[in-house]
C-alpha atoms as a PDB file:
ATOM      1  CA  GLY A   1     -30.735  80.130 -16.496  1.00  0.00           C
ATOM      2  CA  VAL A   2     -28.938  79.834 -19.669  1.00  0.00           C
ATOM      3  CA  ASP A   3     -28.478  76.366 -21.536  1.00  0.00           C
ATOM      4  CA  ALA A   4     -26.951  74.831 -24.826  1.00  0.00           C
ATOM      5  CA  ARG A   5     -27.742  72.087 -26.900  1.00  0.00           C
ATOM      6  CA  LEU A   6     -26.029  70.186 -29.560  1.00  0.00           C
ATOM      7  CA  ILE A   7     -28.331  67.737 -31.421  1.00  0.00           C
ATOM      8  CA  THR A   8     -26.966  65.143 -33.679  1.00  0.00           C
ATOM      9  CA  SER A   9     -29.208  62.582 -35.191  1.00  0.00           C
ATOM     10  CA  ILE A  10     -28.138  59.148 -36.897  1.00  0.00           C
ATOM     11  CA  PHE A  11     -30.833  58.258 -39.526  1.00  0.00           C
ATOM     12  CA  GLU A  12     -31.566  54.719 -41.291  1.00  0.00           C
ATOM     13  CA  LYS A  13     -33.899  55.548 -43.994  1.00  0.00           C
ATOM     14  CA  SER A  14     -35.635  52.976 -46.637  1.00  0.00           C
ATOM     15  CA  ILE A  15     -38.010  53.242 -49.248  1.00  0.00           C
ATOM     16  CA  ASP A  16     -39.957  50.763 -51.304  1.00  0.00           C
ATOM     17  CA  ARG A  17     -40.152  51.358 -54.963  1.00  0.00           C
ATOM     18  CA  LEU A  18     -41.473  50.005 -58.191  1.00  0.00           C
ATOM     19  CA  LYS A  19     -39.410  49.294 -61.810  1.00  0.00           C
ATOM     20  CA  PRO A  20     -40.880  50.179 -64.780  1.00  0.00           C
ATOM     21  CA  ASP A  21     -41.595  46.460 -65.536  1.00  0.00           C
ATOM     22  CA  GLY A  22     -43.530  46.154 -61.837  1.00  0.00           C
ATOM     23  CA  SER A  23     -41.077  44.573 -59.953  1.00  0.00           C
ATOM     24  CA  GLU A  24     -40.387  46.022 -56.231  1.00  0.00           C
ATOM     25  CA  PHE A  25     -36.722  47.208 -55.170  1.00  0.00           C
ATOM     26  CA  SER A  26     -35.751  48.736 -51.838  1.00  0.00           C
ATOM     27  CA  ASP A  27     -33.043  51.796 -51.453  1.00  0.00           C
ATOM     28  CA  THR A  28     -31.462  52.793 -47.808  1.00  0.00           C
ATOM     29  CA  ASN A  29     -29.582  54.941 -46.554  1.00  0.00           C
ATOM     30  CA  THR A  30     -27.479  55.380 -43.425  1.00  0.00           C
ATOM     31  CA  GLY A  31     -25.705  57.703 -41.514  1.00  0.00           C
ATOM     32  CA  LEU A  32     -24.934  60.775 -39.632  1.00  0.00           C
ATOM     33  CA  GLY A  33     -27.650  63.932 -40.244  1.00  0.00           C
ATOM     34  CA  ASP A  34     -27.181  67.365 -40.153  1.00  0.00           C
ATOM     35  CA  PHE A  35     -26.253  69.274 -36.329  1.00  0.00           C
ATOM     36  CA  LYS A  36     -28.524  71.125 -34.320  1.00  0.00           C
ATOM     37  CA  LEU A  37     -26.654  73.727 -32.207  1.00  0.00           C
ATOM     38  CA  ILE A  38     -29.419  75.934 -29.993  1.00  0.00           C
ATOM     39  CA  GLY A  39     -28.998  78.117 -27.191  1.00  0.00           C
ATOM     40  CA  ARG A  40     -32.045  78.615 -24.841  1.00  0.00           C
ATOM     41  CA  TYR A  41     -32.816  81.825 -22.071  1.00  0.00           C
ATOM     42  CA  GLY A  42     -35.013  81.433 -18.566  1.00  0.00           C
ATOM     43  CA  ILE A  43     -36.683  84.315 -19.176  1.00  0.00           C
ATOM     44  CA  LEU A  44     -39.337  83.221 -16.231  1.00  0.00           C
ATOM     45  CA  ASN A  45     -38.730  81.225 -13.386  1.00  0.00           C
ATOM     46  CA  GLN A  46     -41.585  79.825 -11.079  1.00  0.00           C
ATOM     47  CA  LYS A  47     -39.616  79.904  -8.332  1.00  0.00           C
ATOM     48  CA  THR A  48     -39.353  83.735  -8.214  1.00  0.00           C
ATOM     49  CA  GLY A  49     -42.362  84.125 -10.706  1.00  0.00           C
ATOM     50  CA  PRO A  50     -45.721  82.762 -11.964  1.00  0.00           C
ATOM     51  CA  ALA A  51     -44.333  80.192 -14.439  1.00  0.00           C
ATOM     52  CA  ASN A  52     -41.317  79.276 -16.267  1.00  0.00           C
ATOM     53  CA  LEU A  53     -40.830  80.556 -19.322  1.00  0.00           C
ATOM     54  CA  ILE A  54     -37.986  79.882 -21.996  1.00  0.00           C
ATOM     55  CA  ALA A  55     -36.922  81.610 -25.568  1.00  0.00           C
ATOM     56  CA  GLY A  56     -34.372  79.481 -27.705  1.00  0.00           C
ATOM     57  CA  ILE A  57     -32.371  80.399 -31.080  1.00  0.00           C
ATOM     58  CA  GLY A  58     -30.250  78.180 -33.116  1.00  0.00           C
ATOM     59  CA  VAL A  59     -29.365  76.907 -36.113  1.00  0.00           C
ATOM     60  CA  THR A  60     -28.673  73.478 -38.272  1.00  0.00           C
ATOM     61  CA  ILE A  61     -25.603  72.655 -39.443  1.00  0.00           C
ATOM     62  CA  PRO A  62     -25.265  70.897 -42.814  1.00  0.00           C
ATOM     63  CA  VAL A  63     -23.239  67.773 -41.801  1.00  0.00           C
ATOM     64  CA  GLY A  64     -25.181  65.086 -43.523  1.00  0.00           C
ATOM     65  CA  THR A  65     -24.686  63.832 -47.257  1.00  0.00           C
ATOM     66  CA  THR A  66     -27.341  65.409 -49.963  1.00  0.00           C
ATOM     67  CA  ASP A  67     -26.028  63.120 -52.986  1.00  0.00           C
ATOM     68  CA  GLU A  68     -26.492  59.928 -52.180  1.00  0.00           C
ATOM     69  CA  VAL A  69     -27.582  57.746 -55.133  1.00  0.00           C
ATOM     70  CA  ASP A  70     -29.120  54.189 -55.773  1.00  0.00           C
ATOM     71  CA  ASP A  71     -27.635  51.036 -56.954  1.00  0.00           C
ATOM     72  CA  ALA A  72     -28.050  52.349 -60.365  1.00  0.00           C
ATOM     73  CA  GLY A  73     -26.362  55.227 -60.142  1.00  0.00           C
ATOM     74  CA  ASN A  74     -29.358  57.748 -59.830  1.00  0.00           C
ATOM     75  CA  LEU A  75     -29.647  60.400 -57.606  1.00  0.00           C
ATOM     76  CA  LEU A  76     -32.134  59.479 -54.210  1.00  0.00           C
ATOM     77  CA  PRO A  77     -34.982  61.645 -53.505  1.00  0.00           C
ATOM     78  CA  GLY A  78     -34.555  64.657 -51.232  1.00  0.00           C
ATOM     79  CA  SER A  79     -36.529  62.859 -48.610  1.00  0.00           C
ATOM     80  CA  MET A  80     -33.872  59.872 -48.435  1.00  0.00           C
ATOM     81  CA  GLN A  81     -30.934  62.205 -48.067  1.00  0.00           C
ATOM     82  CA  LEU A  82     -29.171  62.656 -44.420  1.00  0.00           C
ATOM     83  CA  GLY A  83     -28.513  66.223 -44.790  1.00  0.00           C
ATOM     84  CA  SER A  84     -30.391  69.512 -46.351  1.00  0.00           C
ATOM     85  CA  GLY A  85     -27.132  71.374 -47.224  1.00  0.00           C
ATOM     86  CA  SER A  86     -28.076  74.521 -45.528  1.00  0.00           C
ATOM     87  CA  TRP A  87     -28.099  76.126 -42.339  1.00  0.00           C
ATOM     88  CA  ASN A  88     -31.493  76.961 -41.249  1.00  0.00           C
ATOM     89  CA  PRO A  89     -32.504  79.189 -38.399  1.00  0.00           C
ATOM     90  CA  ILE A  90     -34.614  77.697 -35.451  1.00  0.00           C
ATOM     91  CA  PHE A  91     -36.704  79.805 -32.959  1.00  0.00           C
ATOM     92  CA  GLU A  92     -37.983  78.092 -29.867  1.00  0.00           C
ATOM     93  CA  LEU A  93     -40.516  79.330 -26.856  1.00  0.00           C
ATOM     94  CA  GLY A  94     -41.685  76.944 -23.792  1.00  0.00           C
ATOM     95  CA  PHE A  95     -43.764  77.725 -21.137  1.00  0.00           C
ATOM     96  CA  HIS A  96     -44.405  75.192 -18.126  1.00  0.00           C
ATOM     97  CA  LYS A  97     -46.389  75.753 -14.957  1.00  0.00           C
ATOM     98  CA  ILE A  98     -46.738  73.645 -12.030  1.00  0.00           C
ATOM     99  CA  ASN A  99     -49.569  74.215  -9.555  1.00  0.00           C
ATOM    100  CA  LYS A 100     -50.303  71.550  -6.623  1.00  0.00           C
ATOM    101  CA  ARG A 101     -51.069  68.371  -8.224  1.00  0.00           C
ATOM    102  CA  HIS A 102     -51.222  69.989 -11.983  1.00  0.00           C
ATOM    103  CA  TRP A 103     -48.473  70.134 -14.603  1.00  0.00           C
ATOM    104  CA  ASN A 104     -49.243  72.051 -17.743  1.00  0.00           C
ATOM    105  CA  SER A 105     -46.576  72.755 -20.588  1.00  0.00           C
ATOM    106  CA  LEU A 106     -46.775  74.759 -23.811  1.00  0.00           C
ATOM    107  CA  TYR A 107     -43.717  74.222 -26.213  1.00  0.00           C
ATOM    108  CA  THR A 108     -43.358  75.775 -29.908  1.00  0.00           C
ATOM    109  CA  SER A 109     -40.367  75.631 -32.577  1.00  0.00           C
ATOM    110  CA  TYR A 110     -40.250  77.037 -35.770  1.00  0.00           C
ATOM    111  CA  MET A 111     -37.059  75.735 -38.366  1.00  0.00           C
ATOM    112  CA  LEU A 112     -37.140  78.061 -41.469  1.00  0.00           C
ATOM    113  CA  ALA A 113     -35.635  76.268 -44.182  1.00  0.00           C
ATOM    114  CA  THR A 114     -33.288  78.070 -46.710  1.00  0.00           C
ATOM    115  CA  ASP A 115     -32.146  76.761 -49.926  1.00  0.00           C
ATOM    116  CA  GLY A 116     -29.640  73.893 -49.905  1.00  0.00           C
ATOM    117  CA  GLU A 117     -28.610  71.065 -52.247  1.00  0.00           C
ATOM    118  CA  LEU A 118     -29.801  67.747 -53.819  1.00  0.00           C
ATOM    119  CA  GLY A 119     -26.757  66.372 -55.764  1.00  0.00           C
ATOM    120  CA  PRO A 120     -26.229  69.524 -58.466  1.00  0.00           C
ATOM    121  CA  HIS A 121     -29.846  70.978 -57.985  1.00  0.00           C
ATOM    122  CA  VAL A 122     -31.030  73.436 -55.489  1.00  0.00           C
ATOM    123  CA  PHE A 123     -33.473  72.057 -52.979  1.00  0.00           C
ATOM    124  CA  LYS A 124     -35.105  73.555 -49.974  1.00  0.00           C
ATOM    125  CA  ARG A 125     -36.401  70.995 -47.641  1.00  0.00           C
ATOM    126  CA  SER A 126     -39.720  72.029 -45.904  1.00  0.00           C
ATOM    127  CA  SER A 127     -39.762  74.381 -43.066  1.00  0.00           C
ATOM    128  CA  VAL A 128     -41.389  73.079 -39.720  1.00  0.00           C
ATOM    129  CA  LEU A 129     -43.356  74.487 -37.139  1.00  0.00           C
ATOM    130  CA  LYS A 130     -44.005  71.885 -34.304  1.00  0.00           C
ATOM    131  CA  TYR A 131     -46.142  72.479 -31.241  1.00  0.00           C
ATOM    132  CA  ASN A 132     -46.812  70.426 -28.091  1.00  0.00           C
ATOM    133  CA  TYR A 133     -49.330  70.957 -25.363  1.00  0.00           C
ATOM    134  CA  SER A 134     -48.717  68.651 -22.548  1.00  0.00           C
ATOM    135  CA  TYR A 135     -50.988  68.071 -19.175  1.00  0.00           C
ATOM    136  CA  ALA A 136     -49.831  65.478 -16.196  1.00  0.00           C
ATOM    137  CA  TYR A 137     -51.606  65.061 -12.881  1.00  0.00           C
ATOM    138  CA  ALA A 138     -49.499  64.135  -9.678  1.00  0.00           C
ATOM    139  CA  LEU A 139     -51.445  60.758  -8.800  1.00  0.00           C
ATOM    140  CA  ASN A 140     -48.939  60.527  -5.656  1.00  0.00           C
ATOM    141  CA  MET A 141     -45.079  61.645  -4.636  1.00  0.00           C
ATOM    142  CA  LYS A 142     -44.003  58.926  -7.339  1.00  0.00           C
ATOM    143  CA  LEU A 143     -46.346  58.584 -10.296  1.00  0.00           C
ATOM    144  CA  ASP A 144     -48.067  61.256 -12.646  1.00  0.00           C
ATOM    145  CA  VAL A 145     -50.500  60.115 -15.562  1.00  0.00           C
ATOM    146  CA  GLY A 146     -51.034  62.590 -18.109  1.00  0.00           C
ATOM    147  CA  ALA A 147     -51.645  63.086 -21.883  1.00  0.00           C
ATOM    148  CA  GLU A 148     -49.559  65.195 -24.850  1.00  0.00           C
ATOM    149  CA  LEU A 149     -51.218  66.751 -28.271  1.00  0.00           C
ATOM    150  CA  ASN A 150     -48.081  67.086 -30.407  1.00  0.00           C
ATOM    151  CA  GLY A 151     -48.466  68.941 -33.898  1.00  0.00           C
ATOM    152  CA  GLU A 152     -46.089  69.048 -36.820  1.00  0.00           C
ATOM    153  CA  VAL A 153     -46.893  71.835 -39.715  1.00  0.00           C
ATOM    154  CA  LYS A 154     -44.479  71.308 -42.935  1.00  0.00           C
ATOM    155  CA  SER A 155     -44.709  73.594 -45.727  1.00  0.00           C
ATOM    156  CA  LYS A 156     -44.075  72.349 -49.037  1.00  0.00           C
ATOM    157  CA  ALA A 157     -40.256  71.461 -50.073  1.00  0.00           C
ATOM    158  CA  GLU A 158     -38.969  72.818 -53.440  1.00  0.00           C
ATOM    159  CA  LEU A 159     -36.542  71.537 -56.372  1.00  0.00           C
ATOM    160  CA  ASN A 160     -34.762  74.534 -58.296  1.00  0.00           C
ATOM    161  CA  GLY A 161     -37.440  77.054 -57.016  1.00  0.00           C
ATOM    162  CA  VAL A 162     -40.282  74.706 -57.756  1.00  0.00           C
ATOM    163  CA  GLU A 163     -42.943  73.374 -55.058  1.00  0.00           C
ATOM    164  CA  LEU A 164     -42.663  69.751 -54.900  1.00  0.00           C
ATOM    165  CA  GLU A 165     -46.191  67.975 -54.607  1.00  0.00           C
ATOM    166  CA  ASN A 166     -46.780  65.125 -51.854  1.00  0.00           C
ATOM    167  CA  THR A 167     -44.668  67.343 -49.866  1.00  0.00           C
ATOM    168  CA  GLY A 168     -45.769  69.844 -46.592  1.00  0.00           C
ATOM    169  CA  GLY A 169     -48.684  68.817 -44.462  1.00  0.00           C
ATOM    170  CA  HIS A 170     -50.128  68.728 -40.935  1.00  0.00           C
ATOM    171  CA  THR A 171     -49.428  65.727 -38.712  1.00  0.00           C
ATOM    172  CA  LEU A 172     -51.085  65.259 -35.564  1.00  0.00           C
ATOM    173  CA  PHE A 173     -50.277  63.031 -32.443  1.00  0.00           C
ATOM    174  CA  LEU A 174     -52.331  62.465 -29.217  1.00  0.00           C
ATOM    175  CA  SER A 175     -50.140  60.427 -26.720  1.00  0.00           C
ATOM    176  CA  PRO A 176     -51.088  58.978 -23.244  1.00  0.00           C
ATOM    177  CA  GLU A 177     -47.663  58.919 -20.619  1.00  0.00           C
ATOM    178  CA  LEU A 178     -46.766  57.634 -17.450  1.00  0.00           C
ATOM    179  CA  HIS A 179     -43.949  59.360 -15.152  1.00  0.00           C
ATOM    180  CA  TYR A 180     -42.405  58.109 -12.407  1.00  0.00           C
ATOM    181  CA  LYS A 181     -40.069  59.546 -10.193  1.00  0.00           C
ATOM    182  CA  PHE A 182     -37.329  57.206  -8.515  1.00  0.00           C
ATOM    183  CA  THR A 183     -35.343  60.709  -6.686  1.00  0.00           C
ATOM    184  CA  LYS A 184     -35.756  64.125  -7.070  1.00  0.00           C
ATOM    185  CA  SER A 185     -33.455  64.315  -9.861  1.00  0.00           C
ATOM    186  CA  VAL A 186     -33.707  60.472 -11.259  1.00  0.00           C
ATOM    187  CA  HIS A 187     -37.180  60.583 -13.542  1.00  0.00           C
ATOM    188  CA  LEU A 188     -38.352  57.751 -15.708  1.00  0.00           C
ATOM    189  CA  GLY A 189     -41.337  58.558 -18.487  1.00  0.00           C
ATOM    190  CA  ALA A 190     -43.312  56.730 -20.812  1.00  0.00           C
ATOM    191  CA  CYS A 191     -45.456  57.941 -23.680  1.00  0.00           C
ATOM    192  CA  ILE A 192     -47.487  55.694 -26.685  1.00  0.00           C
END
């Protein structure tokens, strides 16, 4: 009923910008991002109870760079940096229930941003609340169809204690999906 995950990220970020004379240029930043270490515990199990319920706790580990500069030596914006420079707590809660041909899943996670770095500045990335509701219906023993509703709510980022405009917000996705079961332990899913 316990598992641990170490999640790594490799980013390739780019941004198109305008010079004062109106000409365009691009900045890129590629490399390793912050790690996430998360442990989860199964509180309930549908084999012995009404549903599956998990709770998790973790932390982001500041591995990615926070001081990358452009070709002119200017510090890239926070959104272009690969890391946060901070240890950020992560909390998860997941619910999963199978009832005959119906499969329902709810999942939420919250990452609380703490003060980090952006070059010589104190930079706090956005805190992030993610939520997911998924429903699937088994057409037969091999094929399921379903849909997911995914959302992400971000707080405003802060630079030296001042909230940054054009950061934060709420993003919502609706995604149809197919799920094929080759064997009991080998599955393939596709989601658009």
